[in-house]
Each structure stands twice: as C-alpha cells, then as structure tokens.
Amino acid sequence: MEYKVAPQVNKDHYHFMKYNNKFTWMNFWYQTMYVLKFHPKNVLEIGPGNKVVTDFLRKEGVSVTTLDVDTRLEPDVVGSVDNLPLKDKSFDVVLCSEVLEHLPFDLFQKSLMEIKRVAKKNVVLCLPNAGAVFLLSWKLPLLKYNAVFFKLPFFWKRHKFNGEHYWETGKKGFQVSAIKKELGLAGFKILKVKVFHDDPAHCFFILEV
C-alpha cells in the first residue's frame, strides 16, 4: 500500500468533547505516569495530539520537545517518526503514543530504530489494542477499589485501513507477541507490557534502550 507522509486528521479531531472521553483521560494519566517514573530531564513526545500530556509533563518540570508531521498542531519539530530530524541520544525518554499505527507496518521496524537512535535511556510506547473486554469491579467500605479484568484479542480479524489506522495490535498478524518480537529485533529490552482495565483500548510497552 502506498504511503505518503501527511496529516490524517483535522485539528478539530482533538476537540475536547469529541476526543477526550474518560478512557482517553486515563490514557493521558498512564502516559504521564510512566514517563515520570523514569525521572527524565528531557522528553521527546512524538505525536502530541492536543498536548494534554505535554502540559502535564511541563508542569512537573520536564523539558518536552514535541514532534509531528502536522504543522497545524504547532509542534516544536516538524518531522515523521520513521525519519526523525534529531541527533542521536538526544532525549532521556521518548514517548510515542497512538502514532505508529498511522504508518504502514512495513515502516514499523524503521520507526522503532529511529526512536531507539534518539533515546538515551527509555521509551514509552502505546498502541491501539483491539479485543473484547470482560471486567468485574467492586468497591467496599474501607477497602480499596478492586477489578478483575480479561481481554480477548480479535486474533481472527484482519484489520482494514480506515483512513487512519493501517494496523492494530490484537488483530490477526499483529498480536502482542508479534510486536514484542519486532521490539526485540530493534534491540529494545522490554521492561513491561500492560493493558489497564480502565484503558482497555491501548497497550503500553515500556522499553529500555
């Protein structure tokens, strides 16, 4: 499939009431939490979207450089993840959330290598995660909130390009195991793979360079 580096959505796509449901807000929280766990001085955020995470990190004293192909989002650097116009080992942490699925999977390995090149220490990668969700949650007085969570991947479904996503984890050919293999080939050490019960549509890969 032919691929051209170009914005896929209008700036209005990130309008609060259209884009920010409660699961999206939890995703913002998890992105921020994982980045801050590494205590970085500087961070590259690839695909800042509406810059909610950017603002959270900056308020915590982190120097954040944003990068995107869409000039309308006013990123600090204009560029594509598969060809980053940045120096080697420029950032303590690279955050790349909901970006790589917007490129054909043929460019996945190249993009991973570019991310690894500019990262000094760690990478927080988040990808869409398709599947059926089974959740039981409860809260009793004086006890913590509890949840039992299970997700069944759509391993039998083939993904069809929908104008934005070329592929999604959890679908046929793109199981989490396949993504982990690609990360290993790129030279990453996988510290954690996590799907959260209150953000089931995403899968986090916490990586070390």
N, C-alpha and C. Protein backbone atom coordinates (compact mmCIF):
# COMPACT_ATOMS: atom_id res chain seq x y z
N MET A 1 0.85 -1.20 0.00
CA MET A 1 0.00 0.00 0.00
C MET A 1 0.88 1.25 0.00
N GLU A 2 0.58 2.19 -0.90
CA GLU A 2 1.37 3.41 -0.98
C GLU A 2 1.17 4.26 0.26
N TYR A 3 2.27 4.83 0.75
CA TYR A 3 2.22 5.66 1.96
C TYR A 3 2.83 7.02 1.68
N LYS A 4 2.14 8.05 2.11
CA LYS A 4 2.62 9.41 1.96
C LYS A 4 2.57 10.09 3.32
N VAL A 5 3.68 10.72 3.71
CA VAL A 5 3.73 11.42 4.99
C VAL A 5 2.83 12.64 4.91
N ALA A 6 1.73 12.60 5.65
CA ALA A 6 0.77 13.71 5.63
C ALA A 6 -0.17 13.58 6.81
N PRO A 7 -0.69 14.69 7.32
CA PRO A 7 -1.68 14.62 8.41
C PRO A 7 -2.90 13.81 7.98
N GLN A 8 -3.44 12.99 8.90
CA GLN A 8 -4.60 12.17 8.58
C GLN A 8 -5.89 12.72 9.16
N VAL A 9 -5.79 13.60 10.14
CA VAL A 9 -6.98 14.14 10.78
C VAL A 9 -6.88 15.66 10.86
N ASN A 10 -8.05 16.31 10.91
CA ASN A 10 -8.07 17.75 11.09
C ASN A 10 -7.76 18.11 12.53
N LYS A 11 -7.34 19.34 12.76
CA LYS A 11 -7.04 19.81 14.12
C LYS A 11 -8.27 19.68 15.01
N ASP A 12 -9.47 19.84 14.42
CA ASP A 12 -10.71 19.73 15.19
C ASP A 12 -10.93 18.33 15.75
N HIS A 13 -10.19 17.36 15.23
CA HIS A 13 -10.29 15.98 15.73
C HIS A 13 -10.01 15.92 17.22
N TYR A 14 -9.18 16.84 17.71
CA TYR A 14 -8.77 16.84 19.11
C TYR A 14 -9.64 17.73 19.99
N HIS A 15 -10.78 18.17 19.46
CA HIS A 15 -11.70 18.98 20.26
C HIS A 15 -12.10 18.21 21.51
N PHE A 16 -12.21 18.92 22.64
CA PHE A 16 -12.39 18.27 23.94
C PHE A 16 -13.53 17.26 23.95
N MET A 17 -14.73 17.66 23.56
CA MET A 17 -15.90 16.80 23.68
C MET A 17 -15.90 15.65 22.67
N LYS A 18 -15.12 15.79 21.60
CA LYS A 18 -15.06 14.73 20.60
C LYS A 18 -13.99 13.70 20.94
N TYR A 19 -12.87 14.16 21.47
CA TYR A 19 -11.68 13.32 21.61
C TYR A 19 -11.46 12.80 23.02
N ASN A 20 -11.84 13.60 24.03
CA ASN A 20 -11.47 13.30 25.41
C ASN A 20 -12.58 12.60 26.18
N ASN A 21 -12.76 11.31 25.94
CA ASN A 21 -13.67 10.56 26.81
C ASN A 21 -12.89 10.11 28.05
N LYS A 22 -13.56 9.44 28.97
CA LYS A 22 -12.90 9.11 30.24
C LYS A 22 -11.76 8.12 30.05
N PHE A 23 -11.86 7.25 29.04
CA PHE A 23 -10.78 6.31 28.79
C PHE A 23 -9.55 7.04 28.24
N THR A 24 -9.80 8.05 27.40
CA THR A 24 -8.70 8.85 26.87
C THR A 24 -7.98 9.56 28.00
N TRP A 25 -8.73 10.08 28.95
CA TRP A 25 -8.11 10.77 30.09
C TRP A 25 -7.26 9.80 30.90
N MET A 26 -7.71 8.58 31.08
CA MET A 26 -6.90 7.60 31.79
C MET A 26 -5.63 7.28 31.00
N ASN A 27 -5.74 7.24 29.68
CA ASN A 27 -4.57 7.01 28.85
C ASN A 27 -3.55 8.14 29.03
N PHE A 28 -4.05 9.38 29.08
CA PHE A 28 -3.15 10.51 29.36
C PHE A 28 -2.43 10.31 30.68
N TRP A 29 -3.19 9.86 31.69
CA TRP A 29 -2.61 9.67 33.02
C TRP A 29 -1.52 8.61 32.99
N TYR A 30 -1.78 7.50 32.32
CA TYR A 30 -0.79 6.42 32.27
C TYR A 30 0.45 6.84 31.48
N GLN A 31 0.26 7.57 30.39
CA GLN A 31 1.42 8.08 29.66
C GLN A 31 2.29 8.93 30.58
N THR A 32 1.66 9.86 31.27
CA THR A 32 2.39 10.76 32.16
C THR A 32 3.06 10.00 33.28
N MET A 33 2.35 9.06 33.88
CA MET A 33 2.88 8.27 34.99
C MET A 33 4.13 7.50 34.58
N TYR A 34 4.07 6.82 33.45
CA TYR A 34 5.21 6.01 33.01
C TYR A 34 6.42 6.89 32.70
N VAL A 35 6.19 8.02 32.05
CA VAL A 35 7.31 8.91 31.75
C VAL A 35 7.96 9.43 33.04
N LEU A 36 7.14 9.88 33.98
CA LEU A 36 7.67 10.46 35.21
C LEU A 36 8.39 9.42 36.08
N LYS A 37 8.03 8.16 35.95
CA LYS A 37 8.71 7.11 36.72
C LYS A 37 10.20 7.04 36.40
N PHE A 38 10.59 7.49 35.21
CA PHE A 38 12.00 7.47 34.82
C PHE A 38 12.75 8.74 35.24
N HIS A 39 12.04 9.70 35.82
CA HIS A 39 12.65 10.96 36.29
C HIS A 39 13.51 11.62 35.20
N PRO A 40 12.95 11.82 34.03
CA PRO A 40 13.75 12.39 32.94
C PRO A 40 13.91 13.91 33.07
N LYS A 41 15.03 14.38 32.53
CA LYS A 41 15.22 15.83 32.42
C LYS A 41 14.57 16.35 31.14
N ASN A 42 14.68 15.54 30.09
CA ASN A 42 14.06 15.96 28.82
C ASN A 42 13.39 14.78 28.14
N VAL A 43 12.33 15.09 27.41
CA VAL A 43 11.48 14.07 26.77
C VAL A 43 11.15 14.50 25.35
N LEU A 44 11.18 13.55 24.44
CA LEU A 44 10.65 13.76 23.10
C LEU A 44 9.27 13.13 23.05
N GLU A 45 8.26 13.93 22.75
CA GLU A 45 6.90 13.41 22.59
C GLU A 45 6.55 13.40 21.11
N ILE A 46 6.45 12.21 20.55
CA ILE A 46 6.12 12.05 19.14
C ILE A 46 4.60 11.94 19.01
N GLY A 47 3.99 12.87 18.30
CA GLY A 47 2.54 12.88 18.17
C GLY A 47 1.85 13.43 19.40
N PRO A 48 2.00 14.73 19.69
CA PRO A 48 1.46 15.30 20.93
C PRO A 48 -0.05 15.47 20.93
N GLY A 49 -0.71 15.36 19.77
CA GLY A 49 -2.17 15.50 19.75
C GLY A 49 -2.61 16.84 20.31
N ASN A 50 -3.46 16.81 21.34
CA ASN A 50 -3.97 18.05 21.92
C ASN A 50 -3.08 18.59 23.04
N LYS A 51 -1.92 17.96 23.24
CA LYS A 51 -0.86 18.42 24.15
C LYS A 51 -1.25 18.38 25.63
N VAL A 52 -2.23 17.56 25.97
CA VAL A 52 -2.57 17.39 27.38
C VAL A 52 -1.39 16.80 28.15
N VAL A 53 -0.81 15.73 27.61
CA VAL A 53 0.34 15.10 28.27
C VAL A 53 1.53 16.05 28.27
N THR A 54 1.72 16.75 27.17
CA THR A 54 2.80 17.75 27.10
C THR A 54 2.71 18.73 28.26
N ASP A 55 1.53 19.27 28.47
CA ASP A 55 1.32 20.27 29.52
C ASP A 55 1.53 19.67 30.91
N PHE A 56 1.02 18.44 31.13
CA PHE A 56 1.22 17.79 32.42
C PHE A 56 2.71 17.63 32.73
N LEU A 57 3.47 17.14 31.75
CA LEU A 57 4.89 16.91 31.96
C LEU A 57 5.64 18.21 32.20
N ARG A 58 5.30 19.23 31.45
CA ARG A 58 5.98 20.52 31.63
C ARG A 58 5.68 21.12 33.00
N LYS A 59 4.46 20.91 33.49
CA LYS A 59 4.12 21.40 34.83
C LYS A 59 4.90 20.66 35.92
N GLU A 60 5.38 19.47 35.60
CA GLU A 60 6.21 18.70 36.53
C GLU A 60 7.69 19.02 36.37
N GLY A 61 8.00 20.02 35.56
CA GLY A 61 9.37 20.46 35.41
C GLY A 61 10.18 19.74 34.36
N VAL A 62 9.52 18.94 33.51
CA VAL A 62 10.21 18.20 32.46
C VAL A 62 10.29 19.05 31.19
N SER A 63 11.46 19.08 30.57
CA SER A 63 11.61 19.76 29.28
C SER A 63 11.10 18.84 28.18
N VAL A 64 10.03 19.25 27.51
CA VAL A 64 9.38 18.40 26.50
C VAL A 64 9.54 19.03 25.12
N THR A 65 10.02 18.24 24.18
CA THR A 65 10.08 18.63 22.77
C THR A 65 9.03 17.81 22.03
N THR A 66 8.11 18.48 21.35
CA THR A 66 7.06 17.78 20.60
C THR A 66 7.45 17.67 19.14
N LEU A 67 7.02 16.56 18.52
CA LEU A 67 7.30 16.34 17.09
C LEU A 67 6.07 15.79 16.41
N ASP A 68 5.75 16.31 15.23
CA ASP A 68 4.60 15.84 14.47
C ASP A 68 4.77 16.24 13.01
N VAL A 69 4.08 15.52 12.13
CA VAL A 69 4.10 15.88 10.71
C VAL A 69 3.13 17.01 10.41
N ASP A 70 2.20 17.26 11.33
CA ASP A 70 1.13 18.24 11.10
C ASP A 70 1.53 19.59 11.69
N THR A 71 1.82 20.54 10.83
CA THR A 71 2.22 21.87 11.29
C THR A 71 1.09 22.60 12.00
N ARG A 72 -0.16 22.20 11.73
CA ARG A 72 -1.30 22.87 12.37
C ARG A 72 -1.34 22.61 13.87
N LEU A 73 -0.69 21.55 14.32
CA LEU A 73 -0.62 21.25 15.75
C LEU A 73 0.51 22.02 16.44
N GLU A 74 1.26 22.76 15.66
CA GLU A 74 2.34 23.62 16.17
C GLU A 74 3.35 22.84 17.02
N PRO A 75 3.91 21.76 16.46
CA PRO A 75 4.93 21.02 17.21
C PRO A 75 6.23 21.81 17.24
N ASP A 76 7.09 21.47 18.19
CA ASP A 76 8.41 22.12 18.26
C ASP A 76 9.27 21.72 17.07
N VAL A 77 9.10 20.47 16.61
CA VAL A 77 9.85 19.96 15.46
C VAL A 77 8.86 19.32 14.49
N VAL A 78 8.98 19.66 13.23
CA VAL A 78 8.15 19.04 12.20
C VAL A 78 8.93 17.88 11.60
N GLY A 79 8.34 16.69 11.65
CA GLY A 79 9.03 15.53 11.10
C GLY A 79 8.21 14.27 11.30
N SER A 80 8.67 13.18 10.68
CA SER A 80 7.97 11.90 10.76
C SER A 80 8.79 10.92 11.61
N VAL A 81 8.09 10.05 12.31
CA VAL A 81 8.74 9.12 13.23
C VAL A 81 9.68 8.15 12.50
N ASP A 82 9.45 7.90 11.23
CA ASP A 82 10.32 6.98 10.51
C ASP A 82 11.57 7.65 9.96
N ASN A 83 11.72 8.95 10.20
CA ASN A 83 12.91 9.69 9.75
C ASN A 83 13.07 10.93 10.64
N LEU A 84 13.45 10.73 11.88
CA LEU A 84 13.48 11.81 12.86
C LEU A 84 14.64 12.77 12.59
N PRO A 85 14.35 14.06 12.43
CA PRO A 85 15.40 15.05 12.17
C PRO A 85 16.07 15.50 13.47
N LEU A 86 16.60 14.53 14.21
CA LEU A 86 17.16 14.79 15.54
C LEU A 86 18.46 14.02 15.72
N LYS A 87 19.29 14.49 16.63
CA LYS A 87 20.59 13.87 16.87
C LYS A 87 20.45 12.59 17.70
N ASP A 88 21.44 11.75 17.59
CA ASP A 88 21.47 10.50 18.37
C ASP A 88 21.45 10.80 19.86
N LYS A 89 20.74 9.97 20.60
CA LYS A 89 20.70 10.02 22.07
C LYS A 89 20.46 11.45 22.59
N SER A 90 19.42 12.08 22.04
CA SER A 90 19.10 13.45 22.41
C SER A 90 18.18 13.57 23.61
N PHE A 91 17.45 12.48 23.95
CA PHE A 91 16.41 12.59 24.97
C PHE A 91 16.49 11.43 25.97
N ASP A 92 16.28 11.75 27.24
CA ASP A 92 16.27 10.72 28.27
C ASP A 92 15.17 9.70 28.01
N VAL A 93 13.98 10.20 27.64
CA VAL A 93 12.83 9.34 27.37
C VAL A 93 12.15 9.79 26.08
N VAL A 94 11.73 8.84 25.29
CA VAL A 94 10.90 9.12 24.11
C VAL A 94 9.51 8.54 24.37
N LEU A 95 8.50 9.40 24.25
CA LEU A 95 7.11 8.99 24.39
C LEU A 95 6.48 8.98 23.00
N CYS A 96 5.94 7.81 22.62
CA CYS A 96 5.30 7.68 21.31
C CYS A 96 3.98 6.95 21.52
N SER A 97 2.90 7.70 21.57
CA SER A 97 1.60 7.13 21.87
C SER A 97 0.62 7.35 20.73
N GLU A 98 0.01 6.26 20.27
CA GLU A 98 -1.02 6.34 19.23
C GLU A 98 -0.48 6.99 17.95
N VAL A 99 0.70 6.55 17.53
CA VAL A 99 1.35 7.12 16.36
C VAL A 99 1.67 6.05 15.31
N LEU A 100 2.35 4.98 15.71
CA LEU A 100 2.93 4.05 14.74
C LEU A 100 1.88 3.32 13.91
N GLU A 101 0.67 3.18 14.45
CA GLU A 101 -0.40 2.52 13.68
C GLU A 101 -0.88 3.38 12.52
N HIS A 102 -0.48 4.66 12.50
CA HIS A 102 -0.84 5.56 11.40
C HIS A 102 0.11 5.41 10.20
N LEU A 103 1.12 4.55 10.35
CA LEU A 103 2.04 4.23 9.27
C LEU A 103 1.87 2.77 8.89
N PRO A 104 2.10 2.42 7.62
CA PRO A 104 2.05 1.01 7.24
C PRO A 104 3.02 0.20 8.09
N PHE A 105 2.68 -1.05 8.38
CA PHE A 105 3.51 -1.87 9.25
C PHE A 105 4.90 -2.10 8.67
N ASP A 106 5.04 -1.95 7.36
CA ASP A 106 6.35 -2.06 6.72
C ASP A 106 7.34 -1.04 7.29
N LEU A 107 6.83 0.06 7.84
CA LEU A 107 7.68 1.10 8.39
C LEU A 107 7.85 0.98 9.91
N PHE A 108 7.26 -0.04 10.50
CA PHE A 108 7.31 -0.20 11.95
C PHE A 108 8.74 -0.37 12.45
N GLN A 109 9.48 -1.30 11.84
CA GLN A 109 10.85 -1.57 12.29
C GLN A 109 11.75 -0.34 12.10
N LYS A 110 11.60 0.34 10.97
CA LYS A 110 12.40 1.54 10.72
C LYS A 110 12.09 2.61 11.75
N SER A 111 10.80 2.77 12.08
CA SER A 111 10.40 3.76 13.07
C SER A 111 10.95 3.41 14.45
N LEU A 112 10.91 2.13 14.80
CA LEU A 112 11.48 1.70 16.09
C LEU A 112 12.97 2.01 16.16
N MET A 113 13.68 1.79 15.08
CA MET A 113 15.11 2.06 15.06
C MET A 113 15.40 3.55 15.20
N GLU A 114 14.55 4.38 14.61
CA GLU A 114 14.71 5.83 14.74
C GLU A 114 14.44 6.28 16.18
N ILE A 115 13.41 5.71 16.80
CA ILE A 115 13.10 6.04 18.19
C ILE A 115 14.27 5.62 19.09
N LYS A 116 14.78 4.43 18.87
CA LYS A 116 15.90 3.93 19.67
C LYS A 116 17.13 4.81 19.48
N ARG A 117 17.34 5.29 18.29
CA ARG A 117 18.51 6.11 17.99
C ARG A 117 18.54 7.40 18.80
N VAL A 118 17.39 8.03 18.96
CA VAL A 118 17.37 9.35 19.62
C VAL A 118 17.15 9.25 21.13
N ALA A 119 16.87 8.04 21.64
CA ALA A 119 16.62 7.85 23.07
C ALA A 119 17.91 7.50 23.80
N LYS A 120 18.13 8.14 24.94
CA LYS A 120 19.29 7.80 25.77
C LYS A 120 19.03 6.58 26.63
N LYS A 121 17.81 6.52 27.21
CA LYS A 121 17.56 5.51 28.23
C LYS A 121 16.30 4.68 27.98
N ASN A 122 15.16 5.37 27.89
CA ASN A 122 13.89 4.62 27.89
C ASN A 122 12.91 5.13 26.86
N VAL A 123 11.95 4.26 26.53
CA VAL A 123 10.88 4.59 25.58
C VAL A 123 9.56 4.13 26.17
N VAL A 124 8.55 5.00 26.09
CA VAL A 124 7.19 4.64 26.45
C VAL A 124 6.39 4.61 25.16
N LEU A 125 5.99 3.41 24.77
CA LEU A 125 5.27 3.20 23.52
C LEU A 125 3.85 2.74 23.83
N CYS A 126 2.87 3.37 23.19
CA CYS A 126 1.47 2.99 23.39
C CYS A 126 0.82 2.77 22.03
N LEU A 127 0.12 1.63 21.89
CA LEU A 127 -0.51 1.27 20.64
C LEU A 127 -1.97 0.89 20.87
N PRO A 128 -2.82 1.06 19.85
CA PRO A 128 -4.22 0.63 19.99
C PRO A 128 -4.28 -0.87 20.16
N ASN A 129 -5.24 -1.33 20.97
CA ASN A 129 -5.31 -2.74 21.30
C ASN A 129 -6.75 -3.23 21.14
N ALA A 130 -6.99 -3.97 20.06
CA ALA A 130 -8.33 -4.44 19.75
C ALA A 130 -8.65 -5.71 20.53
N GLY A 131 -9.91 -5.86 20.91
CA GLY A 131 -10.33 -7.07 21.60
C GLY A 131 -11.59 -6.87 22.41
N ALA A 132 -12.14 -7.98 22.87
CA ALA A 132 -13.34 -7.96 23.72
C ALA A 132 -12.93 -7.86 25.17
N VAL A 133 -13.63 -7.01 25.93
CA VAL A 133 -13.27 -6.73 27.32
C VAL A 133 -14.26 -7.39 28.27
N PHE A 134 -13.71 -8.09 29.26
CA PHE A 134 -14.51 -8.68 30.33
C PHE A 134 -14.02 -8.09 31.65
N LEU A 135 -14.89 -7.37 32.36
CA LEU A 135 -14.47 -6.62 33.53
C LEU A 135 -15.47 -6.78 34.66
N LEU A 136 -14.96 -7.07 35.85
CA LEU A 136 -15.76 -7.08 37.07
C LEU A 136 -15.05 -6.19 38.08
N SER A 137 -15.74 -5.16 38.56
CA SER A 137 -15.12 -4.24 39.51
C SER A 137 -16.04 -4.04 40.71
N TRP A 138 -15.43 -3.73 41.86
CA TRP A 138 -16.21 -3.50 43.08
C TRP A 138 -15.44 -2.64 44.06
N LYS A 139 -16.18 -2.00 44.94
CA LYS A 139 -15.60 -1.15 45.99
C LYS A 139 -16.42 -1.32 47.26
N LEU A 140 -15.76 -1.80 48.32
CA LEU A 140 -16.40 -1.98 49.61
C LEU A 140 -15.90 -0.93 50.59
N PRO A 141 -16.70 -0.53 51.57
CA PRO A 141 -16.27 0.48 52.54
C PRO A 141 -14.95 0.10 53.20
N LEU A 142 -14.06 1.08 53.31
CA LEU A 142 -12.75 0.95 53.96
C LEU A 142 -11.75 0.08 53.19
N LEU A 143 -12.16 -0.42 52.04
CA LEU A 143 -11.28 -1.24 51.22
C LEU A 143 -10.98 -0.54 49.90
N LYS A 144 -9.88 -0.91 49.27
CA LYS A 144 -9.50 -0.32 48.00
C LYS A 144 -10.43 -0.79 46.88
N TYR A 145 -10.49 0.01 45.85
CA TYR A 145 -11.21 -0.36 44.63
C TYR A 145 -10.54 -1.58 44.02
N ASN A 146 -11.30 -2.55 43.58
CA ASN A 146 -10.77 -3.78 43.00
C ASN A 146 -11.41 -4.06 41.65
N ALA A 147 -10.65 -4.73 40.80
CA ALA A 147 -11.16 -5.08 39.47
C ALA A 147 -10.50 -6.36 38.99
N VAL A 148 -11.30 -7.22 38.38
CA VAL A 148 -10.81 -8.41 37.70
C VAL A 148 -11.03 -8.16 36.20
N PHE A 149 -9.98 -8.29 35.43
CA PHE A 149 -10.01 -7.82 34.04
C PHE A 149 -9.43 -8.89 33.12
N PHE A 150 -10.12 -9.10 32.01
CA PHE A 150 -9.64 -10.02 30.99
C PHE A 150 -9.98 -9.46 29.61
N LYS A 151 -9.03 -9.60 28.68
CA LYS A 151 -9.27 -9.11 27.33
C LYS A 151 -8.96 -10.21 26.32
N LEU A 152 -9.91 -10.47 25.44
CA LEU A 152 -9.74 -11.47 24.39
C LEU A 152 -9.39 -10.76 23.09
N PRO A 153 -8.17 -10.92 22.57
CA PRO A 153 -7.79 -10.26 21.31
C PRO A 153 -8.65 -10.74 20.15
N PHE A 154 -8.83 -9.87 19.17
CA PHE A 154 -9.54 -10.25 17.95
C PHE A 154 -8.55 -10.91 16.98
N PHE A 155 -7.94 -12.03 17.41
CA PHE A 155 -6.87 -12.65 16.64
C PHE A 155 -7.35 -13.22 15.31
N TRP A 156 -8.65 -13.37 15.14
CA TRP A 156 -9.19 -13.93 13.90
C TRP A 156 -9.57 -12.83 12.89
N LYS A 157 -9.54 -11.58 13.32
CA LYS A 157 -9.96 -10.48 12.45
C LYS A 157 -8.76 -9.85 11.73
N ARG A 158 -8.93 -9.60 10.46
CA ARG A 158 -7.92 -8.86 9.70
C ARG A 158 -8.27 -7.37 9.73
N HIS A 159 -7.26 -6.55 9.96
CA HIS A 159 -7.53 -5.12 10.02
C HIS A 159 -7.64 -4.53 8.61
N LYS A 160 -8.62 -3.65 8.43
CA LYS A 160 -8.78 -2.94 7.18
C LYS A 160 -8.49 -1.46 7.42
N PHE A 161 -7.69 -0.88 6.56
CA PHE A 161 -7.33 0.54 6.70
C PHE A 161 -8.59 1.39 6.73
N ASN A 162 -8.73 2.21 7.78
CA ASN A 162 -9.94 3.00 7.97
C ASN A 162 -9.73 4.49 7.72
N GLY A 163 -8.65 4.82 7.04
CA GLY A 163 -8.34 6.22 6.79
C GLY A 163 -7.36 6.78 7.80
N GLU A 164 -7.16 6.05 8.89
CA GLU A 164 -6.21 6.47 9.93
C GLU A 164 -5.27 5.33 10.32
N HIS A 165 -5.82 4.22 10.78
CA HIS A 165 -5.01 3.11 11.27
C HIS A 165 -4.74 2.10 10.16
N TYR A 166 -3.45 1.82 9.92
CA TYR A 166 -3.08 0.79 8.98
C TYR A 166 -3.12 -0.59 9.62
N TRP A 167 -3.00 -0.64 10.94
CA TRP A 167 -2.99 -1.90 11.68
C TRP A 167 -3.26 -1.61 13.15
N GLU A 168 -3.60 -2.65 13.91
CA GLU A 168 -3.83 -2.50 15.35
C GLU A 168 -3.41 -3.78 16.06
N THR A 169 -2.81 -3.66 17.22
CA THR A 169 -2.46 -4.85 17.98
C THR A 169 -3.75 -5.57 18.39
N GLY A 170 -3.63 -6.87 18.54
CA GLY A 170 -4.79 -7.67 18.92
C GLY A 170 -5.52 -8.27 17.74
N LYS A 171 -5.18 -7.82 16.53
CA LYS A 171 -5.81 -8.36 15.33
C LYS A 171 -4.86 -9.33 14.62
N LYS A 172 -5.39 -10.09 13.69
CA LYS A 172 -4.64 -11.14 13.02
C LYS A 172 -3.35 -10.61 12.41
N GLY A 173 -2.25 -11.23 12.76
CA GLY A 173 -0.95 -10.82 12.26
C GLY A 173 -0.27 -9.77 13.10
N PHE A 174 -1.00 -9.17 14.03
CA PHE A 174 -0.45 -8.09 14.86
C PHE A 174 -0.68 -8.35 16.35
N GLN A 175 -0.61 -9.63 16.73
CA GLN A 175 -0.74 -9.96 18.13
C GLN A 175 0.40 -9.33 18.93
N VAL A 176 0.18 -9.18 20.22
CA VAL A 176 1.19 -8.58 21.09
C VAL A 176 2.51 -9.34 20.97
N SER A 177 2.45 -10.65 20.82
CA SER A 177 3.68 -11.44 20.67
C SER A 177 4.47 -11.02 19.44
N ALA A 178 3.78 -10.66 18.35
CA ALA A 178 4.46 -10.21 17.14
C ALA A 178 5.11 -8.85 17.36
N ILE A 179 4.44 -7.98 18.09
CA ILE A 179 5.01 -6.65 18.40
C ILE A 179 6.25 -6.80 19.28
N LYS A 180 6.18 -7.69 20.26
CA LYS A 180 7.32 -7.94 21.14
C LYS A 180 8.52 -8.46 20.35
N LYS A 181 8.25 -9.29 19.37
CA LYS A 181 9.33 -9.80 18.52
C LYS A 181 10.00 -8.67 17.76
N GLU A 182 9.19 -7.76 17.20
CA GLU A 182 9.73 -6.62 16.46
C GLU A 182 10.56 -5.71 17.38
N LEU A 183 10.09 -5.53 18.60
CA LEU A 183 10.82 -4.70 19.56
C LEU A 183 12.17 -5.34 19.89
N GLY A 184 12.19 -6.65 20.02
CA GLY A 184 13.44 -7.34 20.27
C GLY A 184 14.41 -7.21 19.11
N LEU A 185 13.89 -7.32 17.88
CA LEU A 185 14.73 -7.16 16.69
C LEU A 185 15.33 -5.76 16.59
N ALA A 186 14.60 -4.78 17.13
CA ALA A 186 15.09 -3.40 17.12
C ALA A 186 16.13 -3.16 18.21
N GLY A 187 16.30 -4.13 19.10
CA GLY A 187 17.31 -4.01 20.14
C GLY A 187 16.82 -3.47 21.46
N PHE A 188 15.50 -3.40 21.63
CA PHE A 188 14.94 -2.92 22.90
C PHE A 188 14.89 -4.04 23.93
N LYS A 189 15.08 -3.66 25.18
CA LYS A 189 14.77 -4.54 26.30
C LYS A 189 13.37 -4.19 26.79
N ILE A 190 12.48 -5.16 26.81
CA ILE A 190 11.10 -4.91 27.21
C ILE A 190 11.00 -5.03 28.73
N LEU A 191 10.68 -3.92 29.38
CA LEU A 191 10.55 -3.90 30.83
C LEU A 191 9.15 -4.31 31.28
N LYS A 192 8.14 -3.92 30.49
CA LYS A 192 6.76 -4.21 30.87
C LYS A 192 5.85 -4.09 29.65
N VAL A 193 4.84 -4.96 29.61
CA VAL A 193 3.75 -4.85 28.64
C VAL A 193 2.47 -4.83 29.45
N LYS A 194 1.64 -3.80 29.26
CA LYS A 194 0.50 -3.63 30.15
C LYS A 194 -0.72 -3.08 29.44
N VAL A 195 -1.87 -3.71 29.72
CA VAL A 195 -3.18 -3.19 29.34
C VAL A 195 -3.95 -2.95 30.63
N PHE A 196 -4.56 -1.79 30.78
CA PHE A 196 -5.24 -1.43 32.01
C PHE A 196 -6.75 -1.60 31.88
N HIS A 197 -7.40 -1.99 32.97
CA HIS A 197 -8.84 -2.22 32.94
C HIS A 197 -9.62 -0.94 32.65
N ASP A 198 -9.06 0.22 33.04
CA ASP A 198 -9.75 1.49 32.79
C ASP A 198 -9.21 2.21 31.55
N ASP A 199 -8.39 1.50 30.77
CA ASP A 199 -7.92 2.00 29.48
C ASP A 199 -7.69 0.78 28.57
N PRO A 200 -8.73 -0.02 28.34
CA PRO A 200 -8.55 -1.30 27.67
C PRO A 200 -8.25 -1.21 26.18
N ALA A 201 -8.42 -0.04 25.58
CA ALA A 201 -8.23 0.10 24.14
C ALA A 201 -6.78 0.34 23.75
N HIS A 202 -5.88 0.34 24.74
CA HIS A 202 -4.47 0.61 24.47
C HIS A 202 -3.57 -0.41 25.15
N CYS A 203 -2.40 -0.62 24.56
CA CYS A 203 -1.40 -1.49 25.15
C CYS A 203 -0.10 -0.71 25.28
N PHE A 204 0.45 -0.69 26.49
CA PHE A 204 1.70 0.01 26.75
C PHE A 204 2.88 -0.96 26.69
N PHE A 205 3.95 -0.50 26.06
CA PHE A 205 5.21 -1.22 26.03
C PHE A 205 6.27 -0.29 26.65
N ILE A 206 6.79 -0.68 27.80
CA ILE A 206 7.78 0.13 28.49
C ILE A 206 9.14 -0.46 28.20
N LEU A 207 10.01 0.33 27.60
CA LEU A 207 11.23 -0.18 26.99
C LEU A 207 12.49 0.48 27.53
N GLU A 208 13.57 -0.26 27.41
CA GLU A 208 14.89 0.26 27.75
C GLU A 208 15.78 0.15 26.54
N VAL A 209 16.57 1.17 26.30
CA VAL A 209 17.45 1.19 25.11
C VAL A 209 18.67 0.32 25.37
